[in-house]
């Protein structure tokens, strides 16, 4: 799941995949805009066939938090 998430993140920001770590913060470290983040969430919904709650998505700050949340939805 982590590798696929890294690929998806790469669609939105110009960062080498090796530089994306679980602790990387979407806005501060990876340079996401709010629009980028919301677009990525839509892509994650399609990729894993899940529905992401917008209130809960607002609490996702890091790549690891996104992985944890996706893991909970797909369990």
Protein backbone atom coordinates (compact mmCIF):
# COMPACT_ATOMS: atom_id res chain seq x y z
CA UNK A 1 0.00 0.00 0.00
CA UNK A 2 2.86 2.38 0.85
CA UNK A 3 4.47 1.99 -2.56
CA UNK A 4 1.20 2.67 -4.39
CA UNK A 5 0.53 5.70 -2.20
CA UNK A 6 4.00 7.04 -3.07
CA UNK A 7 3.19 6.65 -6.78
CA UNK A 8 -0.07 8.56 -6.33
CA UNK A 9 1.66 11.32 -4.35
CA UNK A 10 4.11 11.63 -7.24
CA UNK A 11 1.20 12.60 -9.50
CA UNK A 12 0.77 15.79 -7.48
CA UNK A 13 4.23 16.93 -6.43
CA UNK A 14 7.70 16.90 -7.96
CA UNK A 15 9.48 14.89 -5.27
CA UNK A 16 11.67 11.85 -5.73
CA UNK A 17 9.85 8.75 -4.41
CA UNK A 18 12.83 7.95 -2.18
CA UNK A 19 12.38 11.28 -0.42
CA UNK A 20 8.79 10.53 0.60
CA UNK A 21 8.82 9.04 4.09
CA UNK A 22 6.01 7.89 6.38
CA UNK A 23 6.60 10.97 8.55
CA UNK A 24 6.47 13.37 5.57
CA UNK A 25 3.78 16.00 6.02
CA UNK A 26 1.67 16.63 2.94
CA UNK A 27 1.57 20.43 3.13
CA UNK A 28 4.81 21.36 4.90
CA UNK A 29 7.22 18.73 3.56
CA UNK A 30 5.75 17.64 0.23
CA UNK A 31 4.35 20.99 -0.92
CA UNK A 32 0.73 19.94 -1.38
CA UNK A 33 -1.91 22.61 -1.78
CA UNK A 34 -5.37 22.05 -0.32
CA UNK A 35 -6.64 21.39 -3.84
CA UNK A 36 -3.85 18.85 -4.48
CA UNK A 37 -4.69 17.08 -1.24
CA UNK A 38 -8.41 16.87 -1.95
CA UNK A 39 -7.73 15.66 -5.50
CA UNK A 40 -5.40 12.99 -4.16
CA UNK A 41 -8.06 11.84 -1.69
CA UNK A 42 -10.44 11.35 -4.61
CA UNK A 43 -7.83 9.26 -6.38
CA UNK A 44 -7.29 7.18 -3.21
CA UNK A 45 -11.03 6.54 -3.01
CA UNK A 46 -10.99 5.25 -6.58
CA UNK A 47 -7.82 3.21 -6.12
CA UNK A 48 -8.96 1.36 -3.01
CA UNK A 49 -12.73 1.59 -3.56
CA UNK A 50 -13.34 3.32 -0.24
CA UNK A 51 -15.15 6.45 0.89
CA UNK A 52 -13.05 8.97 2.77
CA UNK A 53 -14.89 11.01 5.39
CA UNK A 54 -14.09 14.69 4.85
CA UNK A 55 -14.05 15.43 8.60
CA UNK A 56 -11.57 12.62 9.23
CA UNK A 57 -9.52 13.56 6.16
CA UNK A 58 -8.97 17.00 7.68
CA UNK A 59 -6.94 15.31 10.43
CA UNK A 60 -4.57 13.56 8.01
CA UNK A 61 -1.27 15.41 8.07
CA UNK A 62 1.38 12.79 7.24
CA UNK A 63 1.86 9.94 4.80
CA UNK A 64 1.71 7.49 7.72
CA UNK A 65 -1.61 8.93 8.91
CA UNK A 66 -2.98 8.47 5.38
CA UNK A 67 -1.73 4.86 5.36
CA UNK A 68 -3.26 4.18 8.77
CA UNK A 69 -6.58 5.66 7.69
CA UNK A 70 -6.62 3.68 4.43
CA UNK A 71 -5.71 0.54 6.34
CA UNK A 72 -8.69 1.08 8.63
CA UNK A 73 -11.03 1.58 5.65
CA UNK A 74 -9.80 -1.48 3.78
CA UNK A 75 -9.64 -3.86 6.78
